[in-house]
N, C-alpha and C. Protein backbone atom coordinates (compact mmCIF):
# COMPACT_ATOMS: atom_id res chain seq x y z
N UNK A 1 -18.48 -174.97 145.90
CA UNK A 1 -19.74 -175.31 145.30
C UNK A 1 -20.78 -174.28 145.76
N UNK A 2 -21.59 -173.84 144.83
CA UNK A 2 -22.60 -172.83 145.12
C UNK A 2 -23.93 -173.30 144.58
N UNK A 3 -24.97 -173.13 145.36
CA UNK A 3 -26.30 -173.55 144.95
C UNK A 3 -27.27 -172.42 145.22
N UNK A 4 -28.06 -172.07 144.23
CA UNK A 4 -29.02 -170.99 144.36
C UNK A 4 -30.42 -171.53 144.14
N UNK A 5 -31.34 -171.19 145.04
CA UNK A 5 -32.72 -171.64 144.93
C UNK A 5 -33.62 -170.42 144.92
N UNK A 6 -34.51 -170.37 143.93
CA UNK A 6 -35.44 -169.26 143.79
C UNK A 6 -36.84 -169.81 144.03
N UNK A 7 -37.59 -169.13 144.87
CA UNK A 7 -38.95 -169.55 145.12
C UNK A 7 -39.83 -169.23 143.92
N UNK A 8 -40.71 -170.13 143.58
CA UNK A 8 -41.65 -169.93 142.49
C UNK A 8 -43.04 -169.79 143.09
N UNK A 9 -43.64 -168.62 142.97
CA UNK A 9 -44.92 -168.34 143.60
C UNK A 9 -46.02 -169.22 143.03
N UNK A 10 -45.94 -169.57 141.74
CA UNK A 10 -46.99 -170.38 141.14
C UNK A 10 -47.02 -171.79 141.72
N UNK A 11 -45.87 -172.30 142.19
CA UNK A 11 -45.81 -173.65 142.74
C UNK A 11 -45.99 -173.67 144.25
N UNK A 12 -45.57 -172.62 144.93
CA UNK A 12 -45.63 -172.61 146.39
C UNK A 12 -45.73 -171.18 146.90
N UNK A 13 -46.34 -171.03 148.07
CA UNK A 13 -46.46 -169.71 148.68
C UNK A 13 -45.51 -169.57 149.85
N UNK A 14 -44.50 -170.42 149.97
CA UNK A 14 -43.54 -170.30 151.06
C UNK A 14 -42.80 -168.97 150.96
N UNK A 15 -42.72 -168.25 152.06
CA UNK A 15 -42.02 -166.97 152.07
C UNK A 15 -42.89 -165.81 151.65
N UNK A 16 -44.16 -166.07 151.35
CA UNK A 16 -45.07 -165.02 150.92
C UNK A 16 -46.28 -164.97 151.84
N UNK A 17 -46.92 -163.80 151.92
CA UNK A 17 -48.18 -163.69 152.65
C UNK A 17 -49.20 -163.02 151.73
N UNK A 18 -50.43 -163.32 151.93
CA UNK A 18 -51.49 -162.80 151.08
C UNK A 18 -51.95 -161.45 151.59
N UNK A 19 -51.93 -160.43 150.74
CA UNK A 19 -52.40 -159.10 151.08
C UNK A 19 -53.87 -159.01 150.67
N UNK A 20 -54.76 -158.88 151.64
CA UNK A 20 -56.20 -158.89 151.36
C UNK A 20 -56.67 -157.60 150.69
N UNK A 21 -55.88 -156.54 150.75
CA UNK A 21 -56.28 -155.29 150.09
C UNK A 21 -56.01 -155.32 148.60
N UNK A 22 -54.85 -155.84 148.21
CA UNK A 22 -54.49 -155.89 146.80
C UNK A 22 -54.78 -157.25 146.16
N UNK A 23 -55.14 -158.23 146.99
CA UNK A 23 -55.39 -159.60 146.54
C UNK A 23 -54.20 -160.20 145.81
N UNK A 24 -53.00 -159.92 146.35
CA UNK A 24 -51.77 -160.46 145.78
C UNK A 24 -50.90 -161.00 146.90
N UNK A 25 -50.03 -161.93 146.53
CA UNK A 25 -49.04 -162.43 147.48
C UNK A 25 -47.84 -161.48 147.50
N UNK A 26 -47.38 -161.13 148.69
CA UNK A 26 -46.22 -160.25 148.86
C UNK A 26 -45.19 -160.93 149.73
N UNK A 27 -43.95 -160.50 149.63
CA UNK A 27 -42.88 -161.10 150.42
C UNK A 27 -43.13 -160.92 151.91
N UNK A 28 -42.95 -161.99 152.66
CA UNK A 28 -43.19 -161.96 154.10
C UNK A 28 -42.07 -161.21 154.83
N UNK A 29 -40.84 -161.42 154.39
CA UNK A 29 -39.69 -160.79 155.03
C UNK A 29 -39.05 -159.81 154.07
N UNK A 30 -38.53 -158.72 154.59
CA UNK A 30 -37.92 -157.69 153.76
C UNK A 30 -36.40 -157.66 153.85
N UNK A 31 -35.82 -158.26 154.90
CA UNK A 31 -34.39 -158.18 155.13
C UNK A 31 -33.71 -159.52 154.85
N UNK A 32 -32.40 -159.45 154.60
CA UNK A 32 -31.59 -160.64 154.36
C UNK A 32 -30.87 -161.05 155.64
N UNK A 33 -30.35 -162.26 155.66
CA UNK A 33 -29.55 -162.73 156.79
C UNK A 33 -28.50 -163.72 156.31
N UNK A 34 -27.46 -163.89 157.14
CA UNK A 34 -26.33 -164.77 156.82
C UNK A 34 -26.14 -165.74 157.97
N UNK A 35 -25.84 -167.00 157.64
CA UNK A 35 -25.52 -168.02 158.63
C UNK A 35 -24.24 -168.71 158.18
N UNK A 36 -23.23 -168.72 159.03
CA UNK A 36 -21.94 -169.35 158.73
C UNK A 36 -21.70 -170.45 159.76
N UNK A 37 -21.43 -171.64 159.29
CA UNK A 37 -21.19 -172.78 160.15
C UNK A 37 -19.81 -173.34 159.87
N UNK A 38 -18.97 -173.40 160.91
CA UNK A 38 -17.64 -174.01 160.76
C UNK A 38 -17.80 -175.51 160.95
N UNK A 39 -17.45 -176.27 159.94
CA UNK A 39 -17.62 -177.71 159.99
C UNK A 39 -16.47 -178.38 159.25
N UNK A 40 -16.57 -179.68 159.02
CA UNK A 40 -15.51 -180.42 158.34
C UNK A 40 -16.10 -181.24 157.21
N UNK A 41 -15.28 -181.47 156.19
CA UNK A 41 -15.66 -182.26 155.04
C UNK A 41 -14.77 -183.50 155.02
N UNK A 42 -15.35 -184.67 155.10
CA UNK A 42 -14.59 -185.92 155.17
C UNK A 42 -14.29 -186.41 153.75
N UNK A 43 -13.04 -186.25 153.33
CA UNK A 43 -12.61 -186.67 152.00
C UNK A 43 -11.58 -187.80 152.08
N UNK A 44 -11.65 -188.59 153.16
CA UNK A 44 -10.68 -189.67 153.32
C UNK A 44 -10.82 -190.72 152.23
N UNK A 45 -12.02 -190.91 151.72
CA UNK A 45 -12.22 -191.90 150.67
C UNK A 45 -11.48 -191.52 149.39
N UNK A 46 -11.20 -190.24 149.19
CA UNK A 46 -10.50 -189.76 148.01
C UNK A 46 -9.02 -189.51 148.28
N UNK A 47 -8.56 -189.80 149.49
CA UNK A 47 -7.15 -189.64 149.82
C UNK A 47 -6.76 -188.25 150.27
N UNK A 48 -7.72 -187.37 150.57
CA UNK A 48 -7.41 -186.01 150.98
C UNK A 48 -7.52 -185.80 152.48
N UNK A 49 -8.12 -186.70 153.21
CA UNK A 49 -8.29 -186.53 154.65
C UNK A 49 -9.51 -185.69 154.97
N UNK A 50 -9.48 -185.09 156.13
CA UNK A 50 -10.59 -184.25 156.59
C UNK A 50 -10.21 -182.79 156.40
N UNK A 51 -11.08 -182.02 155.73
CA UNK A 51 -10.83 -180.60 155.48
C UNK A 51 -11.80 -179.76 156.30
N UNK A 52 -11.30 -178.69 156.87
CA UNK A 52 -12.15 -177.73 157.58
C UNK A 52 -12.78 -176.81 156.54
N UNK A 53 -14.10 -176.60 156.65
CA UNK A 53 -14.81 -175.76 155.69
C UNK A 53 -15.76 -174.81 156.42
N UNK A 54 -16.18 -173.78 155.69
CA UNK A 54 -17.27 -172.90 156.12
C UNK A 54 -18.48 -173.26 155.27
N UNK A 55 -19.61 -173.50 155.91
CA UNK A 55 -20.87 -173.71 155.21
C UNK A 55 -21.66 -172.41 155.35
N UNK A 56 -21.84 -171.69 154.24
CA UNK A 56 -22.43 -170.36 154.26
C UNK A 56 -23.83 -170.41 153.67
N UNK A 57 -24.81 -169.88 154.38
CA UNK A 57 -26.17 -169.75 153.88
C UNK A 57 -26.52 -168.27 153.88
N UNK A 58 -26.85 -167.76 152.70
CA UNK A 58 -27.22 -166.36 152.53
C UNK A 58 -28.70 -166.33 152.15
N UNK A 59 -29.55 -165.82 153.05
CA UNK A 59 -31.00 -165.89 152.87
C UNK A 59 -31.55 -164.51 152.51
N UNK A 60 -32.20 -164.45 151.35
CA UNK A 60 -32.88 -163.25 150.89
C UNK A 60 -34.38 -163.48 150.98
N UNK A 61 -35.20 -162.44 150.88
CA UNK A 61 -36.65 -162.65 150.96
C UNK A 61 -37.20 -163.58 149.88
N UNK A 62 -36.65 -163.56 148.69
CA UNK A 62 -37.21 -164.35 147.60
C UNK A 62 -36.35 -165.52 147.15
N UNK A 63 -35.15 -165.66 147.67
CA UNK A 63 -34.27 -166.78 147.32
C UNK A 63 -33.18 -166.93 148.37
N UNK A 64 -32.44 -168.03 148.30
CA UNK A 64 -31.31 -168.21 149.21
C UNK A 64 -30.18 -168.87 148.45
N UNK A 65 -28.94 -168.62 148.93
CA UNK A 65 -27.74 -169.14 148.30
C UNK A 65 -26.96 -169.90 149.37
N UNK A 66 -26.51 -171.10 149.02
CA UNK A 66 -25.71 -171.91 149.93
C UNK A 66 -24.37 -172.18 149.27
N UNK A 67 -23.27 -172.01 150.01
CA UNK A 67 -21.93 -172.19 149.46
C UNK A 67 -21.02 -172.75 150.54
N UNK A 68 -20.06 -173.58 150.13
CA UNK A 68 -19.03 -174.06 151.04
C UNK A 68 -17.70 -173.50 150.59
N UNK A 69 -16.88 -173.07 151.54
CA UNK A 69 -15.55 -172.54 151.25
C UNK A 69 -14.56 -173.17 152.22
N UNK A 70 -13.33 -173.36 151.73
CA UNK A 70 -12.29 -173.99 152.53
C UNK A 70 -11.87 -173.07 153.69
N UNK A 71 -11.66 -173.68 154.84
CA UNK A 71 -11.22 -172.96 156.04
C UNK A 71 -9.80 -173.41 156.36
N UNK A 72 -8.81 -172.75 155.74
CA UNK A 72 -7.43 -173.20 155.91
C UNK A 72 -6.61 -172.30 156.82
N UNK A 73 -6.91 -171.01 156.85
CA UNK A 73 -6.13 -170.08 157.67
C UNK A 73 -7.00 -168.88 158.04
N UNK A 74 -6.38 -167.87 158.65
CA UNK A 74 -7.13 -166.69 159.07
C UNK A 74 -7.63 -165.86 157.89
N UNK A 75 -6.96 -165.96 156.75
CA UNK A 75 -7.38 -165.22 155.56
C UNK A 75 -8.66 -165.78 154.96
N UNK A 76 -9.00 -167.02 155.29
CA UNK A 76 -10.20 -167.66 154.74
C UNK A 76 -11.46 -166.91 155.14
N UNK A 77 -11.53 -166.42 156.38
CA UNK A 77 -12.71 -165.69 156.83
C UNK A 77 -12.84 -164.36 156.07
N UNK A 78 -11.73 -163.75 155.70
CA UNK A 78 -11.79 -162.52 154.90
C UNK A 78 -12.32 -162.82 153.50
N UNK A 79 -11.99 -163.99 152.95
CA UNK A 79 -12.53 -164.40 151.65
C UNK A 79 -14.03 -164.64 151.74
N UNK A 80 -14.47 -165.21 152.85
CA UNK A 80 -15.89 -165.43 153.08
C UNK A 80 -16.61 -164.09 153.15
N UNK A 81 -16.04 -163.14 153.87
CA UNK A 81 -16.64 -161.81 153.98
C UNK A 81 -16.70 -161.12 152.62
N UNK A 82 -15.65 -161.26 151.82
CA UNK A 82 -15.64 -160.65 150.49
C UNK A 82 -16.72 -161.27 149.59
N UNK A 83 -16.88 -162.60 149.66
CA UNK A 83 -17.89 -163.25 148.84
C UNK A 83 -19.30 -162.83 149.27
N UNK A 84 -19.53 -162.77 150.58
CA UNK A 84 -20.85 -162.37 151.09
C UNK A 84 -21.17 -160.94 150.66
N UNK A 85 -20.20 -160.03 150.79
CA UNK A 85 -20.43 -158.64 150.39
C UNK A 85 -20.67 -158.53 148.89
N UNK A 86 -20.02 -159.37 148.11
CA UNK A 86 -20.24 -159.37 146.65
C UNK A 86 -21.68 -159.78 146.34
N UNK A 87 -22.17 -160.83 147.02
CA UNK A 87 -23.54 -161.29 146.79
C UNK A 87 -24.56 -160.27 147.29
N UNK A 88 -24.27 -159.63 148.43
CA UNK A 88 -25.17 -158.61 148.95
C UNK A 88 -25.25 -157.41 148.01
N UNK A 89 -24.11 -157.00 147.48
CA UNK A 89 -24.08 -155.87 146.54
C UNK A 89 -24.84 -156.23 145.26
N UNK A 90 -24.66 -157.45 144.79
CA UNK A 90 -25.34 -157.90 143.58
C UNK A 90 -26.86 -157.87 143.75
N UNK A 91 -27.33 -158.18 144.95
CA UNK A 91 -28.77 -158.19 145.24
C UNK A 91 -29.26 -156.88 145.86
N UNK A 92 -28.41 -155.85 145.86
CA UNK A 92 -28.74 -154.49 146.31
C UNK A 92 -29.06 -154.41 147.80
N UNK A 93 -28.22 -155.08 148.61
CA UNK A 93 -28.31 -154.99 150.07
C UNK A 93 -27.06 -154.32 150.61
N UNK A 94 -27.14 -153.81 151.83
CA UNK A 94 -26.01 -153.15 152.46
C UNK A 94 -24.88 -154.14 152.74
N UNK A 95 -23.64 -153.65 152.71
CA UNK A 95 -22.47 -154.46 152.98
C UNK A 95 -22.36 -154.72 154.49
N UNK A 96 -21.69 -155.81 154.86
CA UNK A 96 -21.51 -156.15 156.27
C UNK A 96 -20.04 -156.11 156.64
N UNK A 97 -19.79 -155.89 157.91
CA UNK A 97 -18.44 -155.91 158.46
C UNK A 97 -18.42 -156.96 159.56
N UNK A 98 -17.65 -158.03 159.35
CA UNK A 98 -17.64 -159.13 160.30
C UNK A 98 -17.19 -158.70 161.69
N UNK A 99 -16.28 -157.75 161.78
CA UNK A 99 -15.78 -157.34 163.10
C UNK A 99 -16.88 -156.70 163.96
N UNK A 100 -17.90 -156.09 163.33
CA UNK A 100 -18.98 -155.46 164.08
C UNK A 100 -20.25 -156.30 164.09
N UNK A 101 -20.60 -156.88 162.95
CA UNK A 101 -21.92 -157.48 162.78
C UNK A 101 -22.02 -158.96 163.12
N UNK A 102 -20.94 -159.70 163.00
CA UNK A 102 -20.99 -161.16 163.17
C UNK A 102 -21.19 -161.53 164.64
N UNK A 103 -22.21 -162.35 164.90
CA UNK A 103 -22.52 -162.77 166.27
C UNK A 103 -22.53 -164.28 166.34
N UNK A 104 -21.97 -164.82 167.42
CA UNK A 104 -21.97 -166.27 167.62
C UNK A 104 -23.28 -166.70 168.26
N UNK A 105 -23.82 -167.81 167.79
CA UNK A 105 -25.07 -168.33 168.36
C UNK A 105 -24.76 -169.25 169.53
N UNK A 106 -25.81 -169.83 170.10
CA UNK A 106 -25.63 -170.78 171.21
C UNK A 106 -24.97 -172.07 170.76
N UNK A 107 -25.13 -172.39 169.48
CA UNK A 107 -24.49 -173.59 168.96
C UNK A 107 -23.01 -173.34 168.74
N UNK A 108 -22.21 -174.35 168.90
CA UNK A 108 -20.76 -174.24 168.76
C UNK A 108 -20.39 -174.01 167.29
N UNK A 109 -19.53 -173.05 167.01
CA UNK A 109 -19.01 -172.74 165.67
C UNK A 109 -20.10 -172.33 164.67
N UNK A 110 -21.10 -171.62 165.12
CA UNK A 110 -22.13 -171.09 164.22
C UNK A 110 -22.24 -169.59 164.44
N UNK A 111 -22.22 -168.83 163.34
CA UNK A 111 -22.26 -167.37 163.39
C UNK A 111 -23.39 -166.88 162.50
N UNK A 112 -24.03 -165.78 162.90
CA UNK A 112 -25.14 -165.23 162.13
C UNK A 112 -25.03 -163.70 162.04
N UNK A 113 -25.62 -163.18 160.99
CA UNK A 113 -25.87 -161.75 160.85
C UNK A 113 -27.31 -161.65 160.39
N UNK A 114 -28.16 -161.02 161.18
CA UNK A 114 -29.58 -160.90 160.85
C UNK A 114 -29.92 -159.47 160.46
N UNK A 115 -31.05 -159.32 159.79
CA UNK A 115 -31.63 -158.03 159.43
C UNK A 115 -30.69 -157.15 158.62
N UNK A 116 -30.20 -157.67 157.52
CA UNK A 116 -29.40 -156.88 156.57
C UNK A 116 -30.39 -156.16 155.67
N UNK A 117 -30.38 -154.85 155.71
CA UNK A 117 -31.38 -154.06 155.00
C UNK A 117 -30.96 -153.76 153.58
N UNK A 118 -31.95 -153.42 152.75
CA UNK A 118 -31.69 -153.02 151.38
C UNK A 118 -31.03 -151.66 151.36
N UNK A 119 -30.23 -151.42 150.29
CA UNK A 119 -29.65 -150.09 150.12
C UNK A 119 -30.75 -149.12 149.73
N UNK A 120 -30.56 -147.85 150.07
CA UNK A 120 -31.55 -146.84 149.73
C UNK A 120 -31.58 -146.63 148.23
N UNK A 121 -32.77 -146.66 147.65
CA UNK A 121 -32.92 -146.42 146.21
C UNK A 121 -32.78 -144.93 145.95
N UNK A 122 -31.88 -144.60 145.04
CA UNK A 122 -31.65 -143.18 144.75
C UNK A 122 -31.81 -142.91 143.30
């Protein structure tokens, strides 16, 4: 399941700051970030039991995408990385490499990648 939310400036100024020189609202943050949480989905009521999943949040300056993916084996994390890189490429941000960039937070089973920069415009 994938959910995309786009901020609407006319309804809210969340994520924007007012530039007093141009008298316009501009994006507060310029970089993207990723948050991956290893958790479980309780489907016992449907006869499937408990499934391990990844809850992925991909945050851009003007919108964010939330997706859950099944965590069944070691290849699942590679699928998560491929999906994240696909979304980053689609939004014109640099690709990430989990082996170098992924960092564990203080919380158990939570990983983040911060400050993903835009690709150079050529």
